[in-house]
């Protein structure tokens, strides 16, 4: 049997063609786009689905972030997978919405399949307004402004506690040391001149009570003490320690030298009374009641005679006494002031130690010294505001001030840039918000199809940081996702920068960037590394970032 080679060749060609078509079909990636509805109400969700049928070994990256404008992504659902023999189907669904009425086109979306880039179909969505029948639905007046009561900060609570403690301490010091207290009887007697003290003591010396209780020895001890104390203060400063003979000899010497004018009988009466007292105290003699009363009268009379015999004080002595009195009052005043100062210092130390044990000694010190960064972090007037249009919402210690952008701050002449910033000479923290929007001056110009390169923008901000004097910049880059799920680029790191103090200090920086083909939004933070409160403020600011997307029809 003869084989026809031409038929065999034709068969092989057709078989090879079929195998190629089959392999092409197997390796081909199919991308399909659909929505559950092309007409929705304002704020209603439309489900936008991308289906990719691919080889089981291929890696697929679906679009994320601000790529669906003018529609807003309210939910990005997980990817569903359907497996075949050697292929698989990936289904990615997005929940989109729009809060303006009109016709909006969902732009083509870029899907990465391995090393290939595929694009989905664009779909038009009609957003219908919600019609309200005002004849059935009543309109209500605008609600009045509600005054929100300001809550005290942590520092204010501690401050009032500190004031209260100081007030209590000062009140106690005033009550016990500085107020004019009513004098006791002993203080009143002590304030009297020596002569009046002696006369008052003699009047209170009741001889009857001593004899009734058989305390004659105590009576003569008290009587002679009154006399000796007066003589000690006005005549002879060793009268209390001298014996009777020594004291009488001294009085005679003063009389003979005419330093005091005393009658001889006065000295004899004093001598006789003192000797009788010595007999009572040491020889247990017991005189009659009448003799004791007579001795009291003698001492009373002789004290008068001694006072009359004393020389009149000179003017110089009076002045010395006045100066001494003033100096004594000054010393007492200085003593009280020192005591008050020690009490206040002790209170401050006690407060510092108490706060230090409770919250840490660094925090206690900064609280007592009113650290400006700590005050700014803890006060309750932080402001949440939107900057730019479309806006970037951020919470800051104070409202950011609008700045006039310089040429270096603008991406290009095609973009209009708005800049808002915060600087405080007492707080080493700088906050800058930039919002750049593609200019619509040229209606015929076609907007770019790709988002702005955020890596290049971050490098540009680092260059601006260098121009301000920053050195040793060590940057790192990672993806950043806002609390409401929007993606951007975060560039952060350390640097050495002059914080307007004249000296370089170690610092940190964070640069956040969010972009679409027409919008660039940035947040730049720079702070001093050793200021823990500035770092806490930076973290709070970063965690508050939200984006307002641009609406287009």
Protein backbone atom coordinates (compact mmCIF):
# COMPACT_ATOMS: atom_id res chain seq x y z
CA UNK A 1 0.00 0.00 0.00
CA UNK A 2 1.45 3.34 -1.03
CA UNK A 3 1.33 6.21 1.51
CA UNK A 4 0.53 9.67 0.16
CA UNK A 5 3.13 12.04 1.72
CA UNK A 6 1.21 15.16 0.67
CA UNK A 7 -1.78 14.15 2.81
CA UNK A 8 0.53 13.48 5.75
CA UNK A 9 2.14 16.93 5.46
CA UNK A 10 -1.24 18.62 5.22
CA UNK A 11 -2.44 16.73 8.31
CA UNK A 12 0.64 17.72 10.31
CA UNK A 13 0.19 21.43 9.38
CA UNK A 14 -3.44 21.42 10.46
CA UNK A 15 -2.62 19.57 13.69
CA UNK A 16 0.17 22.05 14.53
CA UNK A 17 -2.19 24.97 13.87
CA UNK A 18 -4.85 23.53 16.16
CA UNK A 19 -2.29 22.89 18.93
CA UNK A 20 -1.04 26.53 18.64
CA UNK A 21 -4.59 27.90 18.79
CA UNK A 22 -5.29 25.76 21.84
CA UNK A 23 -2.08 26.82 23.59
CA UNK A 24 -2.83 30.45 22.73
CA UNK A 25 -6.28 30.10 24.21
CA UNK A 26 -4.87 28.47 27.32
CA UNK A 27 -2.24 31.24 27.89
CA UNK A 28 -4.59 34.10 27.03
CA UNK A 29 -5.82 36.32 29.88
CA UNK A 30 -9.43 37.43 29.68
CA UNK A 31 -10.46 40.65 31.53
CA UNK A 32 -14.12 41.44 31.98
CA UNK A 33 -15.72 44.51 33.63
CA UNK A 34 -19.29 44.84 34.91
CA UNK A 35 -21.51 46.83 37.29
CA UNK A 36 -24.68 45.74 39.02
CA UNK A 37 -26.46 48.91 37.90
CA UNK A 38 -25.74 51.87 35.63
CA UNK A 39 -28.20 54.14 37.44
CA UNK A 40 -28.14 54.87 41.18
CA UNK A 41 -29.39 57.46 43.61
CA UNK A 42 -27.07 59.94 45.30
CA UNK A 43 -25.02 58.11 47.94
CA UNK A 44 -26.23 54.67 46.82
CA UNK A 45 -23.65 51.92 46.34
CA UNK A 46 -22.87 50.49 42.91
CA UNK A 47 -20.87 47.23 42.72
CA UNK A 48 -18.05 47.46 40.18
CA UNK A 49 -16.55 44.06 39.33
CA UNK A 50 -13.38 43.07 37.47
CA UNK A 51 -13.04 39.42 36.42
CA UNK A 52 -9.64 38.12 35.34
CA UNK A 53 -9.33 34.59 33.89
CA UNK A 54 -5.66 33.70 34.07
CA UNK A 55 -3.15 30.90 34.26
CA UNK A 56 -2.94 29.34 37.73
CA UNK A 57 0.69 30.49 38.14
CA UNK A 58 0.19 34.16 37.22
CA UNK A 59 0.27 36.95 39.85
CA UNK A 60 -2.47 39.60 39.61
CA UNK A 61 -2.50 43.06 41.20
CA UNK A 62 -5.84 44.85 41.16
CA UNK A 63 -6.15 48.67 41.39
CA UNK A 64 -6.35 50.29 44.83
CA UNK A 65 -6.66 53.86 46.09
CA UNK A 66 -7.89 56.95 44.28
CA UNK A 67 -8.14 55.47 40.80
CA UNK A 68 -11.95 55.44 40.40
CA UNK A 69 -12.54 59.19 40.40
CA UNK A 70 -14.98 60.80 40.09
CA UNK A 71 -16.56 57.84 41.93
CA UNK A 72 -15.58 57.28 45.56
CA UNK A 73 -14.56 53.89 46.93
CA UNK A 74 -16.59 53.10 50.05
CA UNK A 75 -15.59 49.42 50.25
CA UNK A 76 -12.94 47.21 48.65
CA UNK A 77 -14.18 43.63 48.92
CA UNK A 78 -11.90 40.57 49.12
CA UNK A 79 -10.96 38.75 45.93
CA UNK A 80 -13.01 35.66 45.07
CA UNK A 81 -11.27 32.79 43.29
CA UNK A 82 -12.80 30.13 41.00
CA UNK A 83 -10.45 27.25 40.09
CA UNK A 84 -10.45 25.24 36.84
CA UNK A 85 -8.05 22.46 35.77
CA UNK A 86 -5.08 24.60 34.75
CA UNK A 87 -6.65 28.04 35.00
CA UNK A 88 -8.41 30.17 37.57
CA UNK A 89 -10.79 33.11 37.63
CA UNK A 90 -10.25 36.03 40.05
CA UNK A 91 -13.21 38.27 40.85
CA UNK A 92 -12.54 41.65 42.49
CA UNK A 93 -15.48 43.82 43.56
CA UNK A 94 -15.52 47.47 44.65
CA UNK A 95 -18.34 49.39 46.30
CA UNK A 96 -18.50 52.85 44.65
CA UNK A 97 -20.73 55.85 45.20
CA UNK A 98 -21.13 59.53 44.33
CA UNK A 99 -22.73 62.37 46.28
CA UNK A 100 -23.45 64.66 43.30
CA UNK A 101 -26.10 64.06 40.67
CA UNK A 102 -25.19 63.71 36.99
CA UNK A 103 -23.48 61.33 34.59
CA UNK A 104 -20.07 60.06 35.73
CA UNK A 105 -17.65 57.78 33.92
CA UNK A 106 -15.64 55.20 35.81
CA UNK A 107 -12.25 55.39 34.07
CA UNK A 108 -10.35 52.38 32.77
CA UNK A 109 -8.55 50.56 35.55
CA UNK A 110 -5.04 49.18 35.30
CA UNK A 111 -4.61 45.50 36.23
CA UNK A 112 -1.14 43.95 36.43
CA UNK A 113 -0.99 40.28 35.37
CA UNK A 114 2.55 39.00 35.74
CA UNK A 115 4.69 41.30 33.60
CA UNK A 116 1.71 42.44 31.51
CA UNK A 117 -0.49 45.51 31.99
CA UNK A 118 -4.17 45.18 31.09
CA UNK A 119 -6.94 47.78 31.23
CA UNK A 120 -10.59 47.28 32.06
CA UNK A 121 -13.45 48.94 30.19
CA UNK A 122 -14.76 52.35 31.21
CA UNK A 123 -18.41 52.43 32.30
CA UNK A 124 -20.79 55.36 32.61
CA UNK A 125 -22.93 55.65 35.73
CA UNK A 126 -25.92 57.93 36.03
CA UNK A 127 -26.50 59.37 39.52
CA UNK A 128 -30.06 60.51 40.12
CA UNK A 129 -30.97 63.16 42.69
CA UNK A 130 -33.34 62.29 45.52
CA UNK A 131 -36.55 64.21 44.94
CA UNK A 132 -38.19 65.42 48.13
CA UNK A 133 -41.86 66.31 48.17
CA UNK A 134 -41.86 69.38 50.40
CA UNK A 135 -45.66 69.29 50.61
CA UNK A 136 -45.44 66.02 52.55
CA UNK A 137 -42.03 66.36 54.17
CA UNK A 138 -41.89 69.26 56.61
CA UNK A 139 -38.86 71.54 56.59
CA UNK A 140 -37.23 72.23 59.91
CA UNK A 141 -35.38 75.32 61.06
CA UNK A 142 -31.63 75.27 61.37
CA UNK A 143 -30.69 74.01 64.79
CA UNK A 144 -29.14 76.60 67.09
CA UNK A 145 -25.44 76.53 67.92
CA UNK A 146 -24.75 74.39 70.96
CA UNK A 147 -22.13 75.69 73.34
CA UNK A 148 -19.73 72.90 74.22
CA UNK A 149 -18.33 73.18 77.69
CA UNK A 150 -14.54 73.21 77.65
CA UNK A 151 -13.00 70.29 79.49
CA UNK A 152 -9.96 71.03 81.64
CA UNK A 153 -6.67 69.56 80.46
CA UNK A 154 -4.50 67.26 82.58
CA UNK A 155 -2.18 70.16 83.34
CA UNK A 156 -5.05 72.40 84.47
CA UNK A 157 -6.20 69.71 86.92
CA UNK A 158 -2.71 69.37 88.36
CA UNK A 159 -2.29 73.15 88.38
CA UNK A 160 -5.38 73.72 90.53
CA UNK A 161 -4.30 70.90 92.84
CA UNK A 162 -0.89 72.56 93.15
CA UNK A 163 -2.50 75.95 93.91
CA UNK A 164 -4.76 74.31 96.51
CA UNK A 165 -1.82 72.67 98.30
CA UNK A 166 0.18 75.92 98.30
CA UNK A 167 -2.85 77.78 99.67
CA UNK A 168 -3.27 75.23 102.48
CA UNK A 169 0.44 75.44 103.38
CA UNK A 170 0.44 79.25 103.36
CA UNK A 171 -2.74 79.35 105.44
CA UNK A 172 -1.19 77.00 107.99
CA UNK A 173 1.98 79.10 108.18
CA UNK A 174 -0.02 82.28 108.61
CA UNK A 175 -2.19 80.72 111.31
CA UNK A 176 0.66 79.31 113.36
CA UNK A 177 3.45 81.85 112.75
CA UNK A 178 2.31 85.16 111.23
CA UNK A 179 -1.14 85.99 112.56
CA UNK A 180 -1.42 88.19 115.63
CA UNK A 181 -2.48 85.68 118.22
CA UNK A 182 -3.94 86.79 121.58
CA UNK A 183 -1.15 86.82 124.16
CA UNK A 184 -1.19 84.42 127.04
CA UNK A 185 -0.77 85.62 130.61
CA UNK A 186 2.87 84.48 130.66
CA UNK A 187 3.54 86.33 127.36
CA UNK A 188 1.90 89.49 128.72
CA UNK A 189 4.07 89.36 131.87
CA UNK A 190 7.20 88.65 129.82
CA UNK A 191 6.51 91.73 127.71
CA UNK A 192 6.41 94.02 130.79
CA UNK A 193 9.47 95.95 132.04
CA UNK A 194 11.42 94.21 134.89
CA UNK A 195 10.04 96.56 137.59
CA UNK A 196 6.41 95.90 136.64
CA UNK A 197 7.11 92.16 136.37
CA UNK A 198 8.48 92.16 139.93
CA UNK A 199 5.56 94.18 141.36
CA UNK A 200 2.99 91.98 139.58
CA UNK A 201 4.70 88.80 140.81
CA UNK A 202 4.68 90.15 144.41
CA UNK A 203 0.96 90.90 144.21
CA UNK A 204 0.28 87.34 143.06
CA UNK A 205 2.47 85.86 145.80
CA UNK A 206 -0.22 84.91 148.32
CA UNK A 207 1.45 84.06 151.62
CA UNK A 208 -1.79 82.63 153.03
CA UNK A 209 -1.86 79.69 150.60
CA UNK A 210 1.76 78.82 151.37
CA UNK A 211 1.19 78.75 155.16
CA UNK A 212 -2.05 76.81 154.83
CA UNK A 213 -0.27 74.12 152.84
CA UNK A 214 2.88 74.33 154.95
CA UNK A 215 4.98 75.40 152.03
CA UNK A 216 6.90 78.17 153.74
CA UNK A 217 10.10 77.05 152.06
CA UNK A 218 8.54 77.51 148.60
CA UNK A 219 7.24 80.93 149.67
CA UNK A 220 10.69 82.25 150.55
CA UNK A 221 12.19 80.68 147.42
CA UNK A 222 9.66 82.51 145.24
CA UNK A 223 10.04 85.75 147.20
CA UNK A 224 13.84 85.88 146.93
CA UNK A 225 13.67 84.82 143.25
CA UNK A 226 11.50 87.87 142.47
CA UNK A 227 14.04 90.16 144.16
CA UNK A 228 17.09 88.50 142.63
CA UNK A 229 15.56 88.48 139.12
CA UNK A 230 14.90 92.22 139.30
CA UNK A 231 18.41 92.95 140.59
CA UNK A 232 19.86 90.62 137.92
CA UNK A 233 18.22 92.59 135.12
CA UNK A 234 18.71 96.13 136.45
CA UNK A 235 21.65 96.16 138.90
CA UNK A 236 23.96 93.16 138.82
CA UNK A 237 23.76 90.53 136.07
CA UNK A 238 24.94 87.69 138.34
CA UNK A 239 22.41 88.18 141.10
CA UNK A 240 20.71 84.83 140.48
CA UNK A 241 23.96 82.85 140.89
CA UNK A 242 25.47 84.83 143.79
CA UNK A 243 25.24 83.93 147.44
CA UNK A 244 23.68 86.34 149.89
CA UNK A 245 27.10 87.63 151.05
CA UNK A 246 28.31 88.09 147.43
CA UNK A 247 25.17 89.94 146.41
CA UNK A 248 25.22 92.26 149.46
CA UNK A 249 28.94 92.96 148.90
CA UNK A 250 28.19 93.86 145.30
CA UNK A 251 25.39 96.21 146.28
CA UNK A 252 27.66 97.97 148.80
CA UNK A 253 30.37 98.36 146.18
CA UNK A 254 27.92 99.87 143.69
CA UNK A 255 26.66 102.21 146.43
CA UNK A 256 30.17 103.30 147.39
CA UNK A 257 31.13 103.90 143.77
CA UNK A 258 27.91 105.87 143.37
CA UNK A 259 26.84 103.86 140.35
CA UNK A 260 23.48 103.54 142.03
CA UNK A 261 21.98 105.61 144.81
CA UNK A 262 20.99 103.29 147.65
CA UNK A 263 20.32 103.92 151.32
CA UNK A 264 22.27 101.82 153.76
CA UNK A 265 19.02 100.71 155.36
CA UNK A 266 17.82 99.40 151.98
CA UNK A 267 20.85 97.13 151.67
CA UNK A 268 20.46 96.02 155.31
CA UNK A 269 16.77 95.16 154.80
CA UNK A 270 17.63 93.16 151.67
CA UNK A 271 20.43 91.37 153.52
CA UNK A 272 18.23 90.51 156.49
CA UNK A 273 15.42 89.12 154.29
CA UNK A 274 17.82 87.04 152.20
CA UNK A 275 19.50 85.58 155.31
CA UNK A 276 16.10 84.65 156.81
CA UNK A 277 15.23 82.97 153.49
CA UNK A 278 18.51 81.03 153.61
CA UNK A 279 17.66 79.78 157.11
CA UNK A 280 14.23 78.63 155.92
CA UNK A 281 15.63 76.87 152.87
CA UNK A 282 18.77 75.34 154.33
CA UNK A 283 18.29 75.24 158.12
CA UNK A 284 14.57 74.36 158.03
CA UNK A 285 13.67 77.40 160.09
CA UNK A 286 9.96 78.17 160.34
CA UNK A 287 9.17 81.85 160.88
CA UNK A 288 5.75 83.08 161.91
CA UNK A 289 3.17 84.11 159.40
CA UNK A 290 3.48 87.78 160.40
CA UNK A 291 7.24 87.73 159.79
CA UNK A 292 6.71 86.22 156.31
CA UNK A 293 4.14 88.92 155.49
CA UNK A 294 6.53 91.60 156.75
CA UNK A 295 9.36 90.20 154.57
CA UNK A 296 7.11 90.39 151.53
CA UNK A 297 6.29 94.03 152.33
CA UNK A 298 9.98 94.80 152.83
CA UNK A 299 10.94 93.33 149.45
CA UNK A 300 8.08 95.25 147.79
CA UNK A 301 9.28 98.52 149.35
CA UNK A 302 13.00 97.95 148.69
CA UNK A 303 12.38 97.18 145.01
CA UNK A 304 10.85 100.65 144.82
CA UNK A 305 13.94 102.12 146.49
CA UNK A 306 16.28 100.28 144.11
CA UNK A 307 14.30 101.58 141.13
CA UNK A 308 14.54 105.14 142.48
CA UNK A 309 18.27 104.75 142.99
CA UNK A 310 19.01 103.62 139.44
CA UNK A 311 20.54 106.25 137.16
CA UNK A 312 18.43 107.59 134.31
CA UNK A 313 19.31 105.92 130.98
CA UNK A 314 21.29 108.18 128.65
CA UNK A 315 20.08 109.09 125.17
CA UNK A 316 22.79 106.87 123.70
CA UNK A 317 21.58 103.91 125.76
CA UNK A 318 18.01 104.59 124.68
CA UNK A 319 19.10 104.69 121.00
CA UNK A 320 21.08 101.46 121.40
CA UNK A 321 18.08 99.84 122.96
CA UNK A 322 15.86 101.06 120.07
CA UNK A 323 18.33 99.80 117.48
CA UNK A 324 18.55 96.50 119.27
CA UNK A 325 14.79 96.25 119.25
CA UNK A 326 14.64 96.97 115.50
CA UNK A 327 17.41 94.49 114.74
CA UNK A 328 15.64 91.91 116.85
CA UNK A 329 12.42 92.45 114.88
CA UNK A 330 14.34 92.15 111.59
CA UNK A 331 15.91 88.90 112.71
CA UNK A 332 12.53 87.54 113.71
CA UNK A 333 11.08 88.61 110.36
CA UNK A 334 13.96 87.00 108.42
CA UNK A 335 13.52 83.86 110.47
CA UNK A 336 9.84 83.67 109.56
CA UNK A 337 10.57 84.31 105.88
CA UNK A 338 13.19 81.54 105.85
CA UNK A 339 10.72 79.23 107.51
CA UNK A 340 8.07 80.09 104.91
CA UNK A 341 10.56 79.52 102.10
CA UNK A 342 11.60 76.16 103.50
CA UNK A 343 7.96 75.10 103.78
CA UNK A 344 7.23 76.12 100.18
CA UNK A 345 10.36 74.36 98.91
CA UNK A 346 9.44 71.29 100.92
CA UNK A 347 5.94 71.35 99.44
CA UNK A 348 7.33 71.64 95.91
CA UNK A 349 9.70 68.75 96.52
CA UNK A 350 6.85 66.65 97.93
CA UNK A 351 4.67 67.46 94.91
CA UNK A 352 7.51 66.64 92.53
CA UNK A 353 8.23 63.31 94.22
CA UNK A 354 4.52 62.43 94.33
CA UNK A 355 3.92 63.28 90.67
CA UNK A 356 7.21 61.57 89.79
CA UNK A 357 6.21 58.30 91.42
CA UNK A 358 2.79 58.45 89.78
CA UNK A 359 3.62 59.67 86.27
CA UNK A 360 7.43 59.67 85.99
CA UNK A 361 9.89 62.32 87.13
CA UNK A 362 10.39 63.79 83.65
CA UNK A 363 6.65 64.29 83.24
CA UNK A 364 6.39 65.76 86.76
CA UNK A 365 9.21 68.21 86.07
CA UNK A 366 7.70 69.28 82.75
CA UNK A 367 4.28 69.68 84.38
CA UNK A 368 5.57 71.89 87.19
CA UNK A 369 7.78 73.95 84.84
CA UNK A 370 4.99 74.22 82.22
CA UNK A 371 6.89 72.71 79.28
CA UNK A 372 5.47 74.48 76.16
CA UNK A 373 5.32 71.29 74.07
CA UNK A 374 3.47 69.45 76.84
CA UNK A 375 0.99 72.31 77.22
CA UNK A 376 0.37 72.35 73.46
CA UNK A 377 -0.12 68.57 73.38
CA UNK A 378 -2.54 68.42 76.31
CA UNK A 379 -4.74 71.46 75.75
CA UNK A 380 -8.26 70.70 74.52
CA UNK A 381 -8.42 73.19 71.65
CA UNK A 382 -6.98 70.96 68.91
CA UNK A 383 -8.55 71.88 65.58
CA UNK A 384 -9.78 69.47 62.92
CA UNK A 385 -9.96 71.31 59.61
CA UNK A 386 -9.90 70.78 55.84
CA UNK A 387 -7.11 72.38 53.82
CA UNK A 388 -7.22 72.78 50.04
CA UNK A 389 -9.85 71.76 47.47
CA UNK A 390 -10.13 68.81 47.14
CA UNK A 391 -9.13 68.91 50.77
CA UNK A 392 -6.94 67.03 53.15
CA UNK A 393 -8.45 66.82 56.64
CA UNK A 394 -5.98 66.93 59.52
CA UNK A 395 -6.11 67.63 63.26
CA UNK A 396 -3.54 70.12 64.57
CA UNK A 397 -2.86 71.95 67.88
CA UNK A 398 -3.76 75.28 66.25
CA UNK A 399 -5.29 76.33 62.95
CA UNK A 400 -2.71 76.28 60.17
CA UNK A 401 -2.01 79.66 58.61
CA UNK A 402 -2.17 80.10 54.85
CA UNK A 403 1.15 80.99 53.23
CA UNK A 404 2.00 82.54 49.88
CA UNK A 405 3.67 79.72 47.91
CA UNK A 406 7.12 80.41 46.50
CA UNK A 407 8.15 79.13 43.09
CA UNK A 408 10.15 76.29 44.66
CA UNK A 409 7.00 75.02 46.41
CA UNK A 410 5.03 74.57 43.16
CA UNK A 411 5.32 71.34 41.18
CA UNK A 412 5.09 73.13 37.83
CA UNK A 413 3.31 76.01 36.18
CA UNK A 414 0.47 73.63 35.33
CA UNK A 415 -0.44 73.19 39.00
CA UNK A 416 -1.89 75.67 41.47
CA UNK A 417 -0.55 75.11 44.99
CA UNK A 418 -1.99 76.16 48.34
CA UNK A 419 0.23 75.98 51.44
CA UNK A 420 -0.80 76.01 55.10
CA UNK A 421 1.71 75.84 57.96
CA UNK A 422 2.26 76.03 61.72
CA UNK A 423 5.40 77.25 63.49
CA UNK A 424 5.95 78.12 67.14
CA UNK A 425 9.32 79.43 68.33
CA UNK A 426 8.83 77.73 71.72
CA UNK A 427 7.84 74.32 70.29
CA UNK A 428 10.27 72.41 68.02
CA UNK A 429 7.54 71.19 65.64
CA UNK A 430 6.83 72.33 62.07
CA UNK A 431 3.62 71.37 60.24
CA UNK A 432 3.05 72.03 56.54
CA UNK A 433 0.08 71.03 54.38
CA UNK A 434 0.29 71.43 50.59
CA UNK A 435 -2.57 70.95 48.13
CA UNK A 436 -1.74 71.15 44.41
CA UNK A 437 -4.42 70.95 41.71
CA UNK A 438 -3.93 70.79 37.95
CA UNK A 439 -4.84 74.18 36.46
CA UNK A 440 -7.88 74.26 34.15
CA UNK A 441 -6.81 77.45 32.34
CA UNK A 442 -6.33 75.52 29.09
CA UNK A 443 -9.57 73.59 28.36
CA UNK A 444 -8.01 71.90 25.32
CA UNK A 445 -5.15 70.43 27.30
CA UNK A 446 -5.45 66.72 28.04
CA UNK A 447 -4.90 65.76 31.70
CA UNK A 448 -2.28 63.10 32.39
CA UNK A 449 -3.57 59.54 32.69
CA UNK A 450 -1.15 58.41 35.42
CA UNK A 451 -1.03 59.63 39.06
CA UNK A 452 1.78 61.98 40.03
CA UNK A 453 5.01 60.20 40.98
CA UNK A 454 5.01 60.35 44.80
CA UNK A 455 8.59 59.08 45.12
CA UNK A 456 9.83 62.01 43.02
CA UNK A 457 7.71 64.43 45.06
CA UNK A 458 9.18 63.05 48.32
CA UNK A 459 12.72 63.49 46.97
CA UNK A 460 11.79 67.04 46.03
CA UNK A 461 10.66 67.75 49.61
CA UNK A 462 13.93 66.32 50.94
CA UNK A 463 15.80 68.70 48.64
CA UNK A 464 13.80 71.62 50.08
CA UNK A 465 14.70 70.34 53.55
CA UNK A 466 18.39 70.43 52.59
CA UNK A 467 18.03 74.03 51.42
CA UNK A 468 16.77 74.92 54.90
CA UNK A 469 20.04 73.62 56.34
CA UNK A 470 19.27 69.96 57.00
CA UNK A 471 22.20 67.56 56.88
CA UNK A 472 22.64 63.81 57.42
CA UNK A 473 19.20 62.99 55.99
CA UNK A 474 18.44 59.26 56.24
CA UNK A 475 15.06 58.57 54.55
CA UNK A 476 12.91 55.45 54.32
CA UNK A 477 9.76 54.88 52.29
CA UNK A 478 6.69 52.74 52.83
CA UNK A 479 3.03 52.58 51.92
CA UNK A 480 0.68 54.65 54.05
CA UNK A 481 -3.04 53.99 54.52
CA UNK A 482 -5.27 56.58 56.16
CA UNK A 483 -7.81 55.54 58.84
CA UNK A 484 -10.55 55.68 56.17
CA UNK A 485 -8.60 53.30 53.89
CA UNK A 486 -7.00 55.63 51.34
CA UNK A 487 -3.49 54.86 50.18
CA UNK A 488 -0.47 57.09 49.78
CA UNK A 489 3.31 57.15 50.25
CA UNK A 490 5.07 57.78 53.56
CA UNK A 491 8.68 58.98 53.58
CA UNK A 492 10.22 59.28 57.03
CA UNK A 493 13.57 59.28 58.74
CA UNK A 494 16.10 61.28 60.75
CA UNK A 495 18.11 64.39 60.04
CA UNK A 496 20.18 67.11 61.67
CA UNK A 497 18.42 70.45 61.38
CA UNK A 498 18.55 73.97 62.80
CA UNK A 499 15.28 74.59 64.70
CA UNK A 500 15.76 78.41 64.75
CA UNK A 501 17.92 78.21 67.89
CA UNK A 502 21.27 78.88 66.23
CA UNK A 503 22.47 75.33 66.90
CA UNK A 504 21.94 72.08 65.04
CA UNK A 505 19.92 69.33 66.71
CA UNK A 506 18.82 65.83 65.84
CA UNK A 507 15.36 65.75 64.31
CA UNK A 508 12.76 63.52 62.64
CA UNK A 509 10.62 64.09 59.59
CA UNK A 510 7.55 62.52 57.96
CA UNK A 511 6.36 63.33 54.43
CA UNK A 512 2.95 61.98 53.39
CA UNK A 513 1.90 62.13 49.75
CA UNK A 514 -1.39 61.29 48.00
CA UNK A 515 -1.88 61.75 44.28
CA UNK A 516 -4.19 61.38 41.30
CA UNK A 517 -3.48 62.56 37.74
CA UNK A 518 -4.88 65.97 38.68
CA UNK A 519 -4.32 66.36 42.44
CA UNK A 520 -1.33 66.17 44.80
CA UNK A 521 -1.87 66.39 48.56
CA UNK A 522 1.04 66.49 51.03
CA UNK A 523 1.62 66.67 54.77
CA UNK A 524 5.14 67.47 56.02
CA UNK A 525 6.12 67.19 59.71
CA UNK A 526 9.53 68.03 61.19
CA UNK A 527 10.29 67.88 64.92
CA UNK A 528 13.14 67.67 67.40
CA UNK A 529 14.05 64.10 68.35
CA UNK A 530 14.52 64.63 72.09
CA UNK A 531 11.11 66.31 72.52
CA UNK A 532 8.81 63.42 73.43
CA UNK A 533 5.75 65.68 73.35
CA UNK A 534 6.50 66.86 69.80
CA UNK A 535 6.67 63.19 68.75
CA UNK A 536 3.30 62.49 70.41
CA UNK A 537 1.83 65.49 68.56
CA UNK A 538 3.24 64.19 65.26
CA UNK A 539 1.69 60.76 65.87
CA UNK A 540 -1.67 62.32 66.69
CA UNK A 541 -1.56 64.44 63.54
CA UNK A 542 -0.63 61.48 61.32
CA UNK A 543 -3.44 59.34 62.75
CA UNK A 544 -6.00 62.08 61.99
CA UNK A 545 -5.29 62.38 58.25
CA UNK A 546 -8.27 61.92 55.90
CA UNK A 547 -8.72 62.88 52.25
CA UNK A 548 -11.50 64.68 50.40
CA UNK A 549 -11.55 63.52 46.80
CA UNK A 550 -12.15 65.65 43.77
CA UNK A 551 -15.57 65.33 42.12
CA UNK A 552 -15.77 65.43 38.35
CA UNK A 553 -18.63 65.10 35.93
